[in-house]
Amino acid sequence: MTTEPIVAGVPCSPGRARGPARTLRSPDEFHRFQRGDVLVCRTTDPAWTPLFRLAAAVVTETGGVLSHAAIVAREFGIPAVAGARDATVKLADGVVVTVDGTAGEVLP
């Protein structure tokens, strides 16, 4: 039995990690992020970098293998999927998901 991904995108940093999805829309919401959360957002820039040391994995709606999120995730050794269309809508805040950064999928 194969589980269908909730969202899929570009595989940007290999590995698998499981944790609660934490959808953030701006730096004003950084205080909601906890160690082990899966960072789910539209995109990242250098202001978001401190969250990567806490994140189990990263999922962004935009970008690819050379995006900020992808490069920083590889530096921190955490799985990342970029270009995951509608991730901030489809991944409910707090729901536990598995991010497969090798396949570019987010699974229930």
C-alpha atoms as a PDB file:
ATOM      1  CA  MET A   1       0.000   0.000   0.000  1.00  0.00           C
ATOM      2  CA  THR A   2       1.490   3.291  -1.147  1.00  0.00           C
ATOM      3  CA  THR A   3       0.714   6.517   0.680  1.00  0.00           C
ATOM      4  CA  GLU A   4      -0.010   9.473  -1.589  1.00  0.00           C
ATOM      5  CA  PRO A   5       1.880  12.680  -0.795  1.00  0.00           C
ATOM      6  CA  ILE A   6      -0.054  15.647   0.560  1.00  0.00           C
ATOM      7  CA  VAL A   7       2.167  17.937  -1.519  1.00  0.00           C
ATOM      8  CA  ALA A   8       5.156  17.379  -3.779  1.00  0.00           C
ATOM      9  CA  GLY A   9       7.843  19.641  -5.129  1.00  0.00           C
ATOM     10  CA  VAL A  10      11.527  19.820  -5.941  1.00  0.00           C
ATOM     11  CA  PRO A  11      13.765  17.596  -3.812  1.00  0.00           C
ATOM     12  CA  CYS A  12      16.355  20.036  -2.437  1.00  0.00           C
ATOM     13  CA  SER A  13      18.045  18.463   0.569  1.00  0.00           C
ATOM     14  CA  PRO A  14      18.052  14.674   1.093  1.00  0.00           C
ATOM     15  CA  GLY A  15      16.731  12.686   4.014  1.00  0.00           C
ATOM     16  CA  ARG A  16      13.492  12.073   5.868  1.00  0.00           C
ATOM     17  CA  ALA A  17      12.151  13.794   8.960  1.00  0.00           C
ATOM     18  CA  ARG A  18       8.861  13.724  10.835  1.00  0.00           C
ATOM     19  CA  GLY A  19       7.337  16.489  12.889  1.00  0.00           C
ATOM     20  CA  PRO A  20       4.409  18.870  13.256  1.00  0.00           C
ATOM     21  CA  ALA A  21       3.909  21.237  10.325  1.00  0.00           C
ATOM     22  CA  ARG A  22       4.289  24.837  11.430  1.00  0.00           C
ATOM     23  CA  THR A  23       2.997  27.255   8.799  1.00  0.00           C
ATOM     24  CA  LEU A  24       4.556  30.700   9.120  1.00  0.00           C
ATOM     25  CA  ARG A  25       3.621  33.649   6.939  1.00  0.00           C
ATOM     26  CA  SER A  26       6.114  36.246   8.199  1.00  0.00           C
ATOM     27  CA  PRO A  27       8.924  36.825  10.695  1.00  0.00           C
ATOM     28  CA  ASP A  28       6.269  38.176  13.071  1.00  0.00           C
ATOM     29  CA  GLU A  29       5.252  34.530  13.646  1.00  0.00           C
ATOM     30  CA  PHE A  30       8.732  33.153  14.438  1.00  0.00           C
ATOM     31  CA  HIS A  31       7.835  32.939  18.144  1.00  0.00           C
ATOM     32  CA  ARG A  32       5.410  30.085  17.319  1.00  0.00           C
ATOM     33  CA  PHE A  33       8.192  27.864  15.962  1.00  0.00           C
ATOM     34  CA  GLN A  34       9.549  25.091  18.218  1.00  0.00           C
ATOM     35  CA  ARG A  35      12.476  22.658  17.957  1.00  0.00           C
ATOM     36  CA  GLY A  36      11.435  19.669  15.823  1.00  0.00           C
ATOM     37  CA  ASP A  37       8.746  21.531  13.846  1.00  0.00           C
ATOM     38  CA  VAL A  38       8.597  21.289  10.054  1.00  0.00           C
ATOM     39  CA  LEU A  39       8.921  24.812   8.674  1.00  0.00           C
ATOM     40  CA  VAL A  40       6.216  25.422   6.066  1.00  0.00           C
ATOM     41  CA  CYS A  41       6.223  28.821   4.332  1.00  0.00           C
ATOM     42  CA  ARG A  42       5.973  30.570   1.006  1.00  0.00           C
ATOM     43  CA  THR A  43       9.716  31.346   0.799  1.00  0.00           C
ATOM     44  CA  THR A  44      12.676  32.152   3.017  1.00  0.00           C
ATOM     45  CA  ASP A  45      15.416  34.768   3.068  1.00  0.00           C
ATOM     46  CA  PRO A  46      18.351  35.353   5.441  1.00  0.00           C
ATOM     47  CA  ALA A  47      16.007  36.577   8.220  1.00  0.00           C
ATOM     48  CA  TRP A  48      14.562  33.029   8.406  1.00  0.00           C
ATOM     49  CA  THR A  49      17.951  31.313   8.851  1.00  0.00           C
ATOM     50  CA  PRO A  50      17.806  31.031  12.692  1.00  0.00           C
ATOM     51  CA  LEU A  51      14.737  28.759  12.366  1.00  0.00           C
ATOM     52  CA  PHE A  52      16.748  26.168  10.424  1.00  0.00           C
ATOM     53  CA  ARG A  53      18.739  25.183  13.522  1.00  0.00           C
ATOM     54  CA  LEU A  54      15.432  24.230  15.195  1.00  0.00           C
ATOM     55  CA  ALA A  55      13.630  22.719  12.194  1.00  0.00           C
ATOM     56  CA  ALA A  56      13.223  19.004  11.511  1.00  0.00           C
ATOM     57  CA  ALA A  57      12.677  19.856   7.829  1.00  0.00           C
ATOM     58  CA  VAL A  58      11.633  22.686   5.501  1.00  0.00           C
ATOM     59  CA  VAL A  59       8.868  22.939   2.890  1.00  0.00           C
ATOM     60  CA  THR A  60       8.446  26.051   0.728  1.00  0.00           C
ATOM     61  CA  GLU A  61       5.912  26.927  -1.939  1.00  0.00           C
ATOM     62  CA  THR A  62       8.479  28.621  -4.180  1.00  0.00           C
ATOM     63  CA  GLY A  63      12.068  28.039  -5.197  1.00  0.00           C
ATOM     64  CA  GLY A  64      14.244  25.191  -6.298  1.00  0.00           C
ATOM     65  CA  VAL A  65      17.636  23.630  -5.598  1.00  0.00           C
ATOM     66  CA  LEU A  66      19.383  27.023  -5.578  1.00  0.00           C
ATOM     67  CA  SER A  67      16.834  28.827  -3.406  1.00  0.00           C
ATOM     68  CA  HIS A  68      17.750  30.187   0.009  1.00  0.00           C
ATOM     69  CA  ALA A  69      15.753  27.464   1.790  1.00  0.00           C
ATOM     70  CA  ALA A  70      17.416  24.677  -0.189  1.00  0.00           C
ATOM     71  CA  ILE A  71      20.966  25.920   0.329  1.00  0.00           C
ATOM     72  CA  VAL A  72      20.537  26.568   4.055  1.00  0.00           C
ATOM     73  CA  ALA A  73      18.755  23.237   4.605  1.00  0.00           C
ATOM     74  CA  ARG A  74      21.700  21.430   3.008  1.00  0.00           C
ATOM     75  CA  GLU A  75      24.104  23.397   5.224  1.00  0.00           C
ATOM     76  CA  PHE A  76      22.140  22.322   8.322  1.00  0.00           C
ATOM     77  CA  GLY A  77      21.692  18.741   7.049  1.00  0.00           C
ATOM     78  CA  ILE A  78      17.890  18.750   7.171  1.00  0.00           C
ATOM     79  CA  PRO A  79      15.457  17.557   4.480  1.00  0.00           C
ATOM     80  CA  ALA A  80      13.906  20.187   2.239  1.00  0.00           C
ATOM     81  CA  VAL A  81      11.254  20.319  -0.463  1.00  0.00           C
ATOM     82  CA  ALA A  82      10.822  23.524  -2.472  1.00  0.00           C
ATOM     83  CA  GLY A  83       8.243  24.512  -5.054  1.00  0.00           C
ATOM     84  CA  ALA A  84       5.531  22.583  -3.180  1.00  0.00           C
ATOM     85  CA  ARG A  85       2.471  24.309  -4.583  1.00  0.00           C
ATOM     86  CA  ASP A  86      -0.158  25.347  -1.994  1.00  0.00           C
ATOM     87  CA  ALA A  87       1.848  23.817   0.887  1.00  0.00           C
ATOM     88  CA  THR A  88       0.742  26.564   3.297  1.00  0.00           C
ATOM     89  CA  VAL A  89      -2.878  25.660   2.551  1.00  0.00           C
ATOM     90  CA  LYS A  90      -2.646  21.862   2.276  1.00  0.00           C
ATOM     91  CA  LEU A  91      -0.405  21.278   5.316  1.00  0.00           C
ATOM     92  CA  ALA A  92      -2.552  22.094   8.340  1.00  0.00           C
ATOM     93  CA  ASP A  93      -0.687  23.816  11.140  1.00  0.00           C
ATOM     94  CA  GLY A  94       0.264  21.325  13.846  1.00  0.00           C
ATOM     95  CA  VAL A  95      -0.471  18.152  11.857  1.00  0.00           C
ATOM     96  CA  VAL A  96       2.414  15.671  11.978  1.00  0.00           C
ATOM     97  CA  VAL A  97       3.930  15.024   8.541  1.00  0.00           C
ATOM     98  CA  THR A  98       6.939  13.243   7.069  1.00  0.00           C
ATOM     99  CA  VAL A  99       9.148  15.240   4.720  1.00  0.00           C
ATOM    100  CA  ASP A 100      11.098  13.197   2.192  1.00  0.00           C
ATOM    101  CA  GLY A 101      13.723  15.567   0.842  1.00  0.00           C
ATOM    102  CA  THR A 102      15.135  12.888  -1.445  1.00  0.00           C
ATOM    103  CA  ALA A 103      11.826  12.255  -3.257  1.00  0.00           C
ATOM    104  CA  GLY A 104      10.483  15.812  -2.912  1.00  0.00           C
ATOM    105  CA  GLU A 105       7.321  14.692  -1.096  1.00  0.00           C
ATOM    106  CA  VAL A 106       5.451  15.489   2.097  1.00  0.00           C
ATOM    107  CA  LEU A 107       3.537  12.495   3.424  1.00  0.00           C
ATOM    108  CA  PRO A 108       0.882  12.120   6.115  1.00  0.00           C
END
